[in-house]
Every structure is written in C-alpha cells, then in structure tokens.
C-alpha cells in the first residue's frame, strides 16, 4: 500500500477521532506509527478569518523586543492558530511570572483542525508571552520567553 500525504492525513484524522491510543503500519520501505499518551478534548471557539496585511506580517516577524532578549524561547513547531487556554473563558496555561517544568503544556496550536499541545522544552520562569490568544503563528516563531 502506497501512503501519500493525503492518505496519512486521513489516517491521522481517523486515529484522532477514535479511542485508539496507538497505531502502527509496517511495510518493507517504512514504518508509520501514531501514539497518543492522553486523550483530551478541547473546546475552541471558532474565529472569523483574520486578514493580515504584508506590512503587519513583516512587523510581527521582526519583533525587535525579542531580538536582544536573553533566555530560552519556546518556538512554534508548526503553522496554525495559538490558543493560550483550553477553552474560552478559562485561565491561560501560563502567565508571566509562572514557573514551568519541562513537558508542561504552555498552549495549544490548532492546525488542520487538530489540536496540538505545545510543551515547555526546559524548566524556567515565564518572562514574556510573545503571542496573543487566537493569533496565527508561523513555524519557528517564538511564543514564550523563559528566563
């Protein structure tokens, strides 16, 4: 069986909607494995499409305040919409001044209707939150600065 990107995305979607915690496919060329440590449902409000001008995108990508800032940056591992809390009206995962541990969830990024928990890559104290709730983020964009 040949797996292209579309087939993989369909499998991922069905896996996400199922009660399975692990799925593995082997053939002579490759191994495809999905594993879910925990199944949680997030209620995320649907947002109206956001229109961003090219000037705004350039200004956002420059972020002069963070260029010379010291500390560890938690960066976006994918393109999508950042959510700072599990659901609208709930407390954010982290706030400035909070101590975080490696592996702690600091936010969620929605990409292709899948909710991806973003975890701290190291211990630290939240010095700065660089994105707003429901903001579109790019791959590699700094989300939070830890000191």
C-alpha atoms as a PDB file:
ATOM      1  CA  UNK A   1       0.000   0.000   0.000  1.00  0.00           C
ATOM      2  CA  UNK A   2       1.411   3.382  -1.010  1.00  0.00           C
ATOM      3  CA  UNK A   3       0.924   6.173   1.538  1.00  0.00           C
ATOM      4  CA  UNK A   4       0.922   9.723   0.269  1.00  0.00           C
ATOM      5  CA  UNK A   5       0.410  12.857   2.380  1.00  0.00           C
ATOM      6  CA  UNK A   6      -3.358  12.845   1.858  1.00  0.00           C
ATOM      7  CA  UNK A   7      -3.659   9.217   2.982  1.00  0.00           C
ATOM      8  CA  UNK A   8      -1.503   9.878   6.050  1.00  0.00           C
ATOM      9  CA  UNK A   9      -3.630  12.897   6.995  1.00  0.00           C
ATOM     10  CA  UNK A  10      -6.815  10.804   6.662  1.00  0.00           C
ATOM     11  CA  UNK A  11      -5.318   8.098   8.897  1.00  0.00           C
ATOM     12  CA  UNK A  12      -4.276  10.740  11.444  1.00  0.00           C
ATOM     13  CA  UNK A  13      -7.777  12.229  11.434  1.00  0.00           C
ATOM     14  CA  UNK A  14      -9.453   8.838  11.942  1.00  0.00           C
ATOM     15  CA  UNK A  15      -6.929   7.971  14.685  1.00  0.00           C
ATOM     16  CA  UNK A  16      -7.617  11.273  16.439  1.00  0.00           C
ATOM     17  CA  UNK A  17     -11.364  10.670  16.369  1.00  0.00           C
ATOM     18  CA  UNK A  18     -11.034   7.082  17.634  1.00  0.00           C
ATOM     19  CA  UNK A  19     -10.464   5.688  21.109  1.00  0.00           C
ATOM     20  CA  UNK A  20      -7.186   4.068  19.991  1.00  0.00           C
ATOM     21  CA  UNK A  21      -4.029   5.078  21.799  1.00  0.00           C
ATOM     22  CA  UNK A  22      -1.582   3.537  19.331  1.00  0.00           C
ATOM     23  CA  UNK A  23      -1.496   2.661  15.626  1.00  0.00           C
ATOM     24  CA  UNK A  24       1.392   1.149  13.680  1.00  0.00           C
ATOM     25  CA  UNK A  25       1.807   0.304   9.998  1.00  0.00           C
ATOM     26  CA  UNK A  26       4.883  -1.511   8.683  1.00  0.00           C
ATOM     27  CA  UNK A  27       5.993  -2.388   5.194  1.00  0.00           C
ATOM     28  CA  UNK A  28       9.347  -3.045   3.545  1.00  0.00           C
ATOM     29  CA  UNK A  29      10.030   0.651   2.931  1.00  0.00           C
ATOM     30  CA  UNK A  30       8.937   2.395   6.116  1.00  0.00           C
ATOM     31  CA  UNK A  31       7.133   2.289   9.442  1.00  0.00           C
ATOM     32  CA  UNK A  32       4.256   4.630  10.232  1.00  0.00           C
ATOM     33  CA  UNK A  33       3.320   4.931  13.927  1.00  0.00           C
ATOM     34  CA  UNK A  34       0.837   7.104  15.824  1.00  0.00           C
ATOM     35  CA  UNK A  35       0.699   7.170  19.597  1.00  0.00           C
ATOM     36  CA  UNK A  36      -1.429   9.191  21.973  1.00  0.00           C
ATOM     37  CA  UNK A  37      -0.368   9.496  25.611  1.00  0.00           C
ATOM     38  CA  UNK A  38      -3.583  11.135  26.684  1.00  0.00           C
ATOM     39  CA  UNK A  39      -6.870  11.861  25.037  1.00  0.00           C
ATOM     40  CA  UNK A  40      -8.265  15.262  25.948  1.00  0.00           C
ATOM     41  CA  UNK A  41     -10.969  17.257  24.270  1.00  0.00           C
ATOM     42  CA  UNK A  42     -10.602  20.972  23.902  1.00  0.00           C
ATOM     43  CA  UNK A  43     -13.427  23.346  23.230  1.00  0.00           C
ATOM     44  CA  UNK A  44     -12.050  26.041  20.993  1.00  0.00           C
ATOM     45  CA  UNK A  45     -14.240  28.883  19.810  1.00  0.00           C
ATOM     46  CA  UNK A  46     -14.416  29.273  16.085  1.00  0.00           C
ATOM     47  CA  UNK A  47     -12.873  32.534  14.997  1.00  0.00           C
ATOM     48  CA  UNK A  48     -13.625  34.659  11.995  1.00  0.00           C
ATOM     49  CA  UNK A  49     -10.947  34.600   9.308  1.00  0.00           C
ATOM     50  CA  UNK A  50      -8.164  37.046  10.014  1.00  0.00           C
ATOM     51  CA  UNK A  51      -6.892  39.250   7.217  1.00  0.00           C
ATOM     52  CA  UNK A  52      -3.315  40.370   7.792  1.00  0.00           C
ATOM     53  CA  UNK A  53      -1.506  42.789   5.521  1.00  0.00           C
ATOM     54  CA  UNK A  54       2.018  42.075   4.347  1.00  0.00           C
ATOM     55  CA  UNK A  55       3.247  45.079   6.392  1.00  0.00           C
ATOM     56  CA  UNK A  56       1.744  43.630   9.574  1.00  0.00           C
ATOM     57  CA  UNK A  57       3.343  40.243   8.877  1.00  0.00           C
ATOM     58  CA  UNK A  58       6.767  41.838   8.387  1.00  0.00           C
ATOM     59  CA  UNK A  59       6.347  43.907  11.564  1.00  0.00           C
ATOM     60  CA  UNK A  60       5.284  40.823  13.544  1.00  0.00           C
ATOM     61  CA  UNK A  61       8.178  38.737  12.266  1.00  0.00           C
ATOM     62  CA  UNK A  62      10.760  41.356  13.202  1.00  0.00           C
ATOM     63  CA  UNK A  63       9.767  41.547  16.882  1.00  0.00           C
ATOM     64  CA  UNK A  64      12.589  43.917  17.919  1.00  0.00           C
ATOM     65  CA  UNK A  65      11.951  43.412  21.648  1.00  0.00           C
ATOM     66  CA  UNK A  66      12.883  39.737  21.429  1.00  0.00           C
ATOM     67  CA  UNK A  67      15.959  40.043  19.191  1.00  0.00           C
ATOM     68  CA  UNK A  68      18.267  41.060  22.042  1.00  0.00           C
ATOM     69  CA  UNK A  69      16.313  39.403  24.865  1.00  0.00           C
ATOM     70  CA  UNK A  70      18.082  36.730  26.855  1.00  0.00           C
ATOM     71  CA  UNK A  71      16.592  33.439  27.869  1.00  0.00           C
ATOM     72  CA  UNK A  72      15.147  30.356  26.270  1.00  0.00           C
ATOM     73  CA  UNK A  73      12.461  30.689  23.643  1.00  0.00           C
ATOM     74  CA  UNK A  74       9.646  28.198  23.179  1.00  0.00           C
ATOM     75  CA  UNK A  75       9.021  28.274  19.442  1.00  0.00           C
ATOM     76  CA  UNK A  76       6.089  27.126  17.385  1.00  0.00           C
ATOM     77  CA  UNK A  77       6.675  23.669  15.906  1.00  0.00           C
ATOM     78  CA  UNK A  78       4.049  24.274  13.210  1.00  0.00           C
ATOM     79  CA  UNK A  79       1.853  26.833  11.467  1.00  0.00           C
ATOM     80  CA  UNK A  80      -1.581  27.364  12.992  1.00  0.00           C
ATOM     81  CA  UNK A  81      -3.695  29.279  15.485  1.00  0.00           C
ATOM     82  CA  UNK A  82      -2.316  29.663  19.018  1.00  0.00           C
ATOM     83  CA  UNK A  83      -4.656  29.231  21.981  1.00  0.00           C
ATOM     84  CA  UNK A  84      -3.472  30.226  25.452  1.00  0.00           C
ATOM     85  CA  UNK A  85      -6.206  28.268  27.299  1.00  0.00           C
ATOM     86  CA  UNK A  86      -8.172  25.011  26.936  1.00  0.00           C
ATOM     87  CA  UNK A  87     -11.410  26.872  26.262  1.00  0.00           C
ATOM     88  CA  UNK A  88     -12.758  30.383  26.025  1.00  0.00           C
ATOM     89  CA  UNK A  89     -13.173  31.916  29.470  1.00  0.00           C
ATOM     90  CA  UNK A  90     -10.742  29.537  31.179  1.00  0.00           C
ATOM     91  CA  UNK A  91      -7.454  30.567  32.777  1.00  0.00           C
ATOM     92  CA  UNK A  92      -4.439  30.518  30.452  1.00  0.00           C
ATOM     93  CA  UNK A  93      -1.994  27.623  30.644  1.00  0.00           C
ATOM     94  CA  UNK A  94       0.774  30.050  31.736  1.00  0.00           C
ATOM     95  CA  UNK A  95       1.162  33.708  32.688  1.00  0.00           C
ATOM     96  CA  UNK A  96       4.190  35.973  33.054  1.00  0.00           C
ATOM     97  CA  UNK A  97       5.994  35.041  36.268  1.00  0.00           C
ATOM     98  CA  UNK A  98       4.816  31.417  36.317  1.00  0.00           C
ATOM     99  CA  UNK A  99       7.382  28.674  36.848  1.00  0.00           C
ATOM    100  CA  UNK A 100       7.171  25.962  34.193  1.00  0.00           C
ATOM    101  CA  UNK A 101       8.660  22.489  34.108  1.00  0.00           C
ATOM    102  CA  UNK A 102       9.937  20.635  31.058  1.00  0.00           C
ATOM    103  CA  UNK A 103       6.984  18.917  29.383  1.00  0.00           C
ATOM    104  CA  UNK A 104       4.358  21.261  30.864  1.00  0.00           C
ATOM    105  CA  UNK A 105       1.704  22.411  28.372  1.00  0.00           C
ATOM    106  CA  UNK A 106       2.073  26.141  27.654  1.00  0.00           C
ATOM    107  CA  UNK A 107      -0.514  26.454  24.888  1.00  0.00           C
ATOM    108  CA  UNK A 108      -2.315  24.762  22.009  1.00  0.00           C
ATOM    109  CA  UNK A 109      -1.836  25.265  18.290  1.00  0.00           C
ATOM    110  CA  UNK A 110      -4.693  24.307  16.018  1.00  0.00           C
ATOM    111  CA  UNK A 111      -3.513  23.122  12.620  1.00  0.00           C
ATOM    112  CA  UNK A 112      -5.745  21.407  10.078  1.00  0.00           C
ATOM    113  CA  UNK A 113      -8.498  21.090  12.721  1.00  0.00           C
ATOM    114  CA  UNK A 114      -6.159  19.145  15.020  1.00  0.00           C
ATOM    115  CA  UNK A 115      -5.297  20.494  18.463  1.00  0.00           C
ATOM    116  CA  UNK A 116      -1.577  20.176  19.254  1.00  0.00           C
ATOM    117  CA  UNK A 117      -0.391  20.719  22.810  1.00  0.00           C
ATOM    118  CA  UNK A 118       2.795  22.796  22.952  1.00  0.00           C
ATOM    119  CA  UNK A 119       5.090  21.819  25.791  1.00  0.00           C
ATOM    120  CA  UNK A 120       7.956  23.612  27.508  1.00  0.00           C
ATOM    121  CA  UNK A 121      11.278  22.205  26.333  1.00  0.00           C
ATOM    122  CA  UNK A 122      13.034  23.138  29.575  1.00  0.00           C
ATOM    123  CA  UNK A 123      12.380  24.397  33.102  1.00  0.00           C
ATOM    124  CA  UNK A 124      12.164  28.141  33.639  1.00  0.00           C
ATOM    125  CA  UNK A 125      10.121  31.164  34.584  1.00  0.00           C
ATOM    126  CA  UNK A 126       7.855  32.817  32.014  1.00  0.00           C
ATOM    127  CA  UNK A 127       9.498  36.181  31.312  1.00  0.00           C
ATOM    128  CA  UNK A 128       7.420  37.189  28.314  1.00  0.00           C
ATOM    129  CA  UNK A 129       4.465  35.869  26.310  1.00  0.00           C
ATOM    130  CA  UNK A 130       5.111  36.894  22.727  1.00  0.00           C
ATOM    131  CA  UNK A 131       1.789  35.949  21.091  1.00  0.00           C
ATOM    132  CA  UNK A 132      -1.846  36.706  21.740  1.00  0.00           C
ATOM    133  CA  UNK A 133      -4.662  34.207  22.161  1.00  0.00           C
ATOM    134  CA  UNK A 134      -6.097  33.129  18.771  1.00  0.00           C
ATOM    135  CA  UNK A 135      -3.123  34.624  16.916  1.00  0.00           C
ATOM    136  CA  UNK A 136      -1.900  32.930  13.737  1.00  0.00           C
ATOM    137  CA  UNK A 137       1.664  31.697  14.258  1.00  0.00           C
ATOM    138  CA  UNK A 138       4.361  30.537  11.865  1.00  0.00           C
ATOM    139  CA  UNK A 139       6.759  27.624  12.115  1.00  0.00           C
ATOM    140  CA  UNK A 140       9.698  28.600  14.346  1.00  0.00           C
ATOM    141  CA  UNK A 141       8.022  31.768  15.645  1.00  0.00           C
ATOM    142  CA  UNK A 142       8.882  32.466  19.311  1.00  0.00           C
ATOM    143  CA  UNK A 143       5.806  32.005  21.509  1.00  0.00           C
ATOM    144  CA  UNK A 144       7.183  32.410  25.041  1.00  0.00           C
ATOM    145  CA  UNK A 145      10.494  33.542  26.514  1.00  0.00           C
ATOM    146  CA  UNK A 146      11.698  31.745  29.641  1.00  0.00           C
ATOM    147  CA  UNK A 147      14.413  33.017  31.959  1.00  0.00           C
END
